[in-house]
PDB file of N, CA and C in Angstrom:
ATOM      1  N   MET A   1     -29.271  14.602  63.913  1.00  0.00           N
ATOM      2  CA  MET A   1     -28.630  13.339  64.027  1.00  0.00           C
ATOM      3  C   MET A   1     -27.241  13.481  63.415  1.00  0.00           C
ATOM      4  N   SER A   2     -26.239  13.030  64.123  1.00  0.00           N
ATOM      5  CA  SER A   2     -24.872  13.049  63.616  1.00  0.00           C
ATOM      6  C   SER A   2     -24.665  11.858  62.686  1.00  0.00           C
ATOM      7  N   VAL A   3     -23.964  12.072  61.588  1.00  0.00           N
ATOM      8  CA  VAL A   3     -23.769  11.032  60.581  1.00  0.00           C
ATOM      9  C   VAL A   3     -22.328  10.546  60.639  1.00  0.00           C
ATOM     10  N   ALA A   4     -22.141   9.306  61.038  1.00  0.00           N
ATOM     11  CA  ALA A   4     -20.793   8.743  61.127  1.00  0.00           C
ATOM     12  C   ALA A   4     -20.280   8.300  59.760  1.00  0.00           C
ATOM     13  N   ALA A   5     -21.168   7.728  58.953  1.00  0.00           N
ATOM     14  CA  ALA A   5     -20.776   7.236  57.626  1.00  0.00           C
ATOM     15  C   ALA A   5     -21.875   7.587  56.637  1.00  0.00           C
ATOM     16  N   PRO A   6     -21.735   8.707  55.929  1.00  0.00           N
ATOM     17  CA  PRO A   6     -22.760   9.094  54.963  1.00  0.00           C
ATOM     18  C   PRO A   6     -22.887   8.066  53.844  1.00  0.00           C
ATOM     19  N   PRO A   7     -24.026   8.052  53.165  1.00  0.00           N
ATOM     20  CA  PRO A   7     -24.224   7.081  52.091  1.00  0.00           C
ATOM     21  C   PRO A   7     -23.393   7.425  50.869  1.00  0.00           C
ATOM     22  N   CYS A   8     -23.115   6.408  50.070  1.00  0.00           N
ATOM     23  CA  CYS A   8     -22.474   6.674  48.782  1.00  0.00           C
ATOM     24  C   CYS A   8     -23.555   7.207  47.840  1.00  0.00           C
ATOM     25  N   PRO A   9     -23.176   7.858  46.753  1.00  0.00           N
ATOM     26  CA  PRO A   9     -24.178   8.436  45.845  1.00  0.00           C
ATOM     27  C   PRO A   9     -25.216   7.425  45.350  1.00  0.00           C
ATOM     28  N   GLU A  10     -24.800   6.170  45.175  1.00  0.00           N
ATOM     29  CA  GLU A  10     -25.741   5.149  44.704  1.00  0.00           C
ATOM     30  C   GLU A  10     -26.825   4.839  45.743  1.00  0.00           C
ATOM     31  N   GLU A  11     -26.535   5.039  47.015  1.00  0.00           N
ATOM     32  CA  GLU A  11     -27.501   4.760  48.080  1.00  0.00           C
ATOM     33  C   GLU A  11     -28.323   5.988  48.474  1.00  0.00           C
ATOM     34  N   ALA A  12     -27.916   7.163  48.037  1.00  0.00           N
ATOM     35  CA  ALA A  12     -28.532   8.407  48.496  1.00  0.00           C
ATOM     36  C   ALA A  12     -30.006   8.530  48.124  1.00  0.00           C
ATOM     37  N   ASP A  13     -30.390   8.116  46.924  1.00  0.00           N
ATOM     38  CA  ASP A  13     -31.800   8.214  46.531  1.00  0.00           C
ATOM     39  C   ASP A  13     -32.692   7.345  47.418  1.00  0.00           C
ATOM     40  N   ARG A  14     -32.250   6.126  47.691  1.00  0.00           N
ATOM     41  CA  ARG A  14     -33.027   5.227  48.543  1.00  0.00           C
ATOM     42  C   ARG A  14     -33.139   5.786  49.956  1.00  0.00           C
ATOM     43  N   LEU A  15     -32.036   6.311  50.460  1.00  0.00           N
ATOM     44  CA  LEU A  15     -32.048   6.889  51.798  1.00  0.00           C
ATOM     45  C   LEU A  15     -32.930   8.134  51.848  1.00  0.00           C
ATOM     46  N   ALA A  16     -32.876   8.959  50.829  1.00  0.00           N
ATOM     47  CA  ALA A  16     -33.743  10.144  50.769  1.00  0.00           C
ATOM     48  C   ALA A  16     -35.209   9.731  50.781  1.00  0.00           C
ATOM     49  N   LEU A  17     -35.534   8.659  50.093  1.00  0.00           N
ATOM     50  CA  LEU A  17     -36.913   8.161  50.115  1.00  0.00           C
ATOM     51  C   LEU A  17     -37.294   7.686  51.516  1.00  0.00           C
ATOM     52  N   GLU A  18     -36.398   7.009  52.196  1.00  0.00           N
ATOM     53  CA  GLU A  18     -36.664   6.588  53.577  1.00  0.00           C
ATOM     54  C   GLU A  18     -36.900   7.806  54.467  1.00  0.00           C
ATOM     55  N   HIS A  19     -36.065   8.827  54.316  1.00  0.00           N
ATOM     56  CA  HIS A  19     -36.250  10.052  55.092  1.00  0.00           C
ATOM     57  C   HIS A  19     -37.612  10.668  54.793  1.00  0.00           C
ATOM     58  N   TYR A  20     -37.979  10.696  53.522  1.00  0.00           N
ATOM     59  CA  TYR A  20     -39.263  11.272  53.129  1.00  0.00           C
ATOM     60  C   TYR A  20     -40.431  10.491  53.734  1.00  0.00           C
ATOM     61  N   LEU A  21     -40.345   9.186  53.717  1.00  0.00           N
ATOM     62  CA  LEU A  21     -41.431   8.371  54.265  1.00  0.00           C
ATOM     63  C   LEU A  21     -41.580   8.541  55.777  1.00  0.00           C
ATOM     64  N   VAL A  22     -40.482   8.783  56.465  1.00  0.00           N
ATOM     65  CA  VAL A  22     -40.514   8.989  57.913  1.00  0.00           C
ATOM     66  C   VAL A  22     -40.863  10.434  58.261  1.00  0.00           C
ATOM     67  N   CYS A  23     -40.345  11.373  57.476  1.00  0.00           N
ATOM     68  CA  CYS A  23     -40.506  12.796  57.793  1.00  0.00           C
ATOM     69  C   CYS A  23     -40.639  13.608  56.504  1.00  0.00           C
ATOM     70  N   PRO A  24     -41.814  13.607  55.882  1.00  0.00           N
ATOM     71  CA  PRO A  24     -41.986  14.327  54.612  1.00  0.00           C
ATOM     72  C   PRO A  24     -41.757  15.834  54.724  1.00  0.00           C
ATOM     73  N   ASP A  25     -41.863  16.379  55.928  1.00  0.00           N
ATOM     74  CA  ASP A  25     -41.644  17.821  56.096  1.00  0.00           C
ATOM     75  C   ASP A  25     -40.248  18.254  55.667  1.00  0.00           C
ATOM     76  N   ASN A  26     -39.271  17.361  55.758  1.00  0.00           N
ATOM     77  CA  ASN A  26     -37.910  17.712  55.341  1.00  0.00           C
ATOM     78  C   ASN A  26     -37.872  18.222  53.910  1.00  0.00           C
ATOM     79  N   ILE A  27     -38.702  17.687  53.062  1.00  0.00           N
ATOM     80  CA  ILE A  27     -38.710  18.079  51.656  1.00  0.00           C
ATOM     81  C   ILE A  27     -39.899  18.980  51.347  1.00  0.00           C
ATOM     82  N   GLU A  28     -41.075  18.622  51.812  1.00  0.00           N
ATOM     83  CA  GLU A  28     -42.281  19.361  51.448  1.00  0.00           C
ATOM     84  C   GLU A  28     -42.318  20.778  52.001  1.00  0.00           C
ATOM     85  N   GLN A  29     -41.724  21.026  53.148  1.00  0.00           N
ATOM     86  CA  GLN A  29     -41.801  22.362  53.737  1.00  0.00           C
ATOM     87  C   GLN A  29     -40.570  23.214  53.461  1.00  0.00           C
ATOM     88  N   ASP A  30     -39.615  22.683  52.758  1.00  0.00           N
ATOM     89  CA  ASP A  30     -38.441  23.459  52.364  1.00  0.00           C
ATOM     90  C   ASP A  30     -38.596  23.766  50.878  1.00  0.00           C
ATOM     91  N   PHE A  31     -39.050  24.957  50.569  1.00  0.00           N
ATOM     92  CA  PHE A  31     -39.395  25.328  49.197  1.00  0.00           C
ATOM     93  C   PHE A  31     -38.194  25.339  48.254  1.00  0.00           C
ATOM     94  N   PHE A  32     -36.986  25.356  48.798  1.00  0.00           N
ATOM     95  CA  PHE A  32     -35.792  25.444  47.961  1.00  0.00           C
ATOM     96  C   PHE A  32     -35.142  24.086  47.734  1.00  0.00           C
ATOM     97  N   VAL A  33     -35.737  23.028  48.265  1.00  0.00           N
ATOM     98  CA  VAL A  33     -35.146  21.700  48.126  1.00  0.00           C
ATOM     99  C   VAL A  33     -36.092  20.794  47.352  1.00  0.00           C
ATOM    100  N   VAL A  34     -35.585  20.188  46.319  1.00  0.00           N
ATOM    101  CA  VAL A  34     -36.330  19.164  45.601  1.00  0.00           C
ATOM    102  C   VAL A  34     -35.727  17.818  45.989  1.00  0.00           C
ATOM    103  N   PHE A  35     -36.421  16.747  45.682  1.00  0.00           N
ATOM    104  CA  PHE A  35     -35.995  15.421  46.131  1.00  0.00           C
ATOM    105  C   PHE A  35     -34.561  15.103  45.712  1.00  0.00           C
ATOM    106  N   ALA A  36     -34.216  15.326  44.463  1.00  0.00           N
ATOM    107  CA  ALA A  36     -32.869  15.000  43.971  1.00  0.00           C
ATOM    108  C   ALA A  36     -31.798  15.803  44.701  1.00  0.00           C
ATOM    109  N   THR A  37     -32.071  17.060  44.961  1.00  0.00           N
ATOM    110  CA  THR A  37     -31.125  17.901  45.694  1.00  0.00           C
ATOM    111  C   THR A  37     -30.964  17.401  47.116  1.00  0.00           C
ATOM    112  N   TYR A  38     -32.058  17.017  47.736  1.00  0.00           N
ATOM    113  CA  TYR A  38     -32.005  16.482  49.098  1.00  0.00           C
ATOM    114  C   TYR A  38     -31.122  15.233  49.132  1.00  0.00           C
ATOM    115  N   ALA A  39     -31.289  14.343  48.179  1.00  0.00           N
ATOM    116  CA  ALA A  39     -30.487  13.120  48.112  1.00  0.00           C
ATOM    117  C   ALA A  39     -29.002  13.446  47.952  1.00  0.00           C
ATOM    118  N   GLU A  40     -28.686  14.401  47.096  1.00  0.00           N
ATOM    119  CA  GLU A  40     -27.286  14.790  46.890  1.00  0.00           C
ATOM    120  C   GLU A  40     -26.674  15.336  48.177  1.00  0.00           C
ATOM    121  N   LYS A  41     -27.429  16.093  48.934  1.00  0.00           N
ATOM    122  CA  LYS A  41     -26.911  16.685  50.171  1.00  0.00           C
ATOM    123  C   LYS A  41     -26.633  15.639  51.238  1.00  0.00           C
ATOM    124  N   LEU A  42     -27.346  14.527  51.212  1.00  0.00           N
ATOM    125  CA  LEU A  42     -27.125  13.477  52.209  1.00  0.00           C
ATOM    126  C   LEU A  42     -25.719  12.896  52.126  1.00  0.00           C
ATOM    127  N   VAL A  43     -25.137  12.905  50.947  1.00  0.00           N
ATOM    128  CA  VAL A  43     -23.820  12.307  50.734  1.00  0.00           C
ATOM    129  C   VAL A  43     -22.728  13.089  51.459  1.00  0.00           C
ATOM    130  N   THR A  44     -22.885  14.392  51.585  1.00  0.00           N
ATOM    131  CA  THR A  44     -21.832  15.218  52.193  1.00  0.00           C
ATOM    132  C   THR A  44     -22.221  15.848  53.528  1.00  0.00           C
ATOM    133  N   ALA A  45     -23.453  15.663  53.952  1.00  0.00           N
ATOM    134  CA  ALA A  45     -23.915  16.315  55.186  1.00  0.00           C
ATOM    135  C   ALA A  45     -23.381  15.605  56.432  1.00  0.00           C
ATOM    136  N   PRO A  46     -22.768  16.341  57.354  1.00  0.00           N
ATOM    137  CA  PRO A  46     -22.285  15.726  58.588  1.00  0.00           C
ATOM    138  C   PRO A  46     -23.405  15.493  59.615  1.00  0.00           C
ATOM    139  N   ARG A  47     -24.548  16.165  59.398  1.00  0.00           N
ATOM    140  CA  ARG A  47     -25.709  16.017  60.292  1.00  0.00           C
ATOM    141  C   ARG A  47     -26.967  15.993  59.451  1.00  0.00           C
ATOM    142  N   TRP A  48     -27.958  15.253  59.917  1.00  0.00           N
ATOM    143  CA  TRP A  48     -29.268  15.234  59.286  1.00  0.00           C
ATOM    144  C   TRP A  48     -30.276  15.736  60.295  1.00  0.00           C
ATOM    145  N   SER A  49     -31.168  16.602  59.872  1.00  0.00           N
ATOM    146  CA  SER A  49     -32.197  17.145  60.749  1.00  0.00           C
ATOM    147  C   SER A  49     -33.571  16.660  60.305  1.00  0.00           C
ATOM    148  N   PHE A  50     -34.432  16.455  61.282  1.00  0.00           N
ATOM    149  CA  PHE A  50     -35.810  16.041  61.029  1.00  0.00           C
ATOM    150  C   PHE A  50     -36.718  16.911  61.877  1.00  0.00           C
ATOM    151  N   TRP A  51     -37.912  17.195  61.371  1.00  0.00           N
ATOM    152  CA  TRP A  51     -38.908  17.897  62.174  1.00  0.00           C
ATOM    153  C   TRP A  51     -40.304  17.494  61.715  1.00  0.00           C
ATOM    154  N   TRP A  52     -41.224  17.566  62.633  1.00  0.00           N
ATOM    155  CA  TRP A  52     -42.614  17.226  62.338  1.00  0.00           C
ATOM    156  C   TRP A  52     -43.483  18.345  62.853  1.00  0.00           C
ATOM    157  N   ASP A  53     -44.531  18.649  62.139  1.00  0.00           N
ATOM    158  CA  ASP A  53     -45.480  19.669  62.590  1.00  0.00           C
ATOM    159  C   ASP A  53     -46.665  19.021  63.260  1.00  0.00           C
TER     160      ASP A  53
END
């Protein structure tokens, strides 16, 4: 998904939780990403990816 307006840092945790609730694989299957890191990356990422098994 292309991101036109990334969240501000204050909104990133809430958005990361929304992503987790919709697609937990984004965090659970990436062994190098913890929730806080995922939230931080949302602020600067030009694209967001989702996948389901």
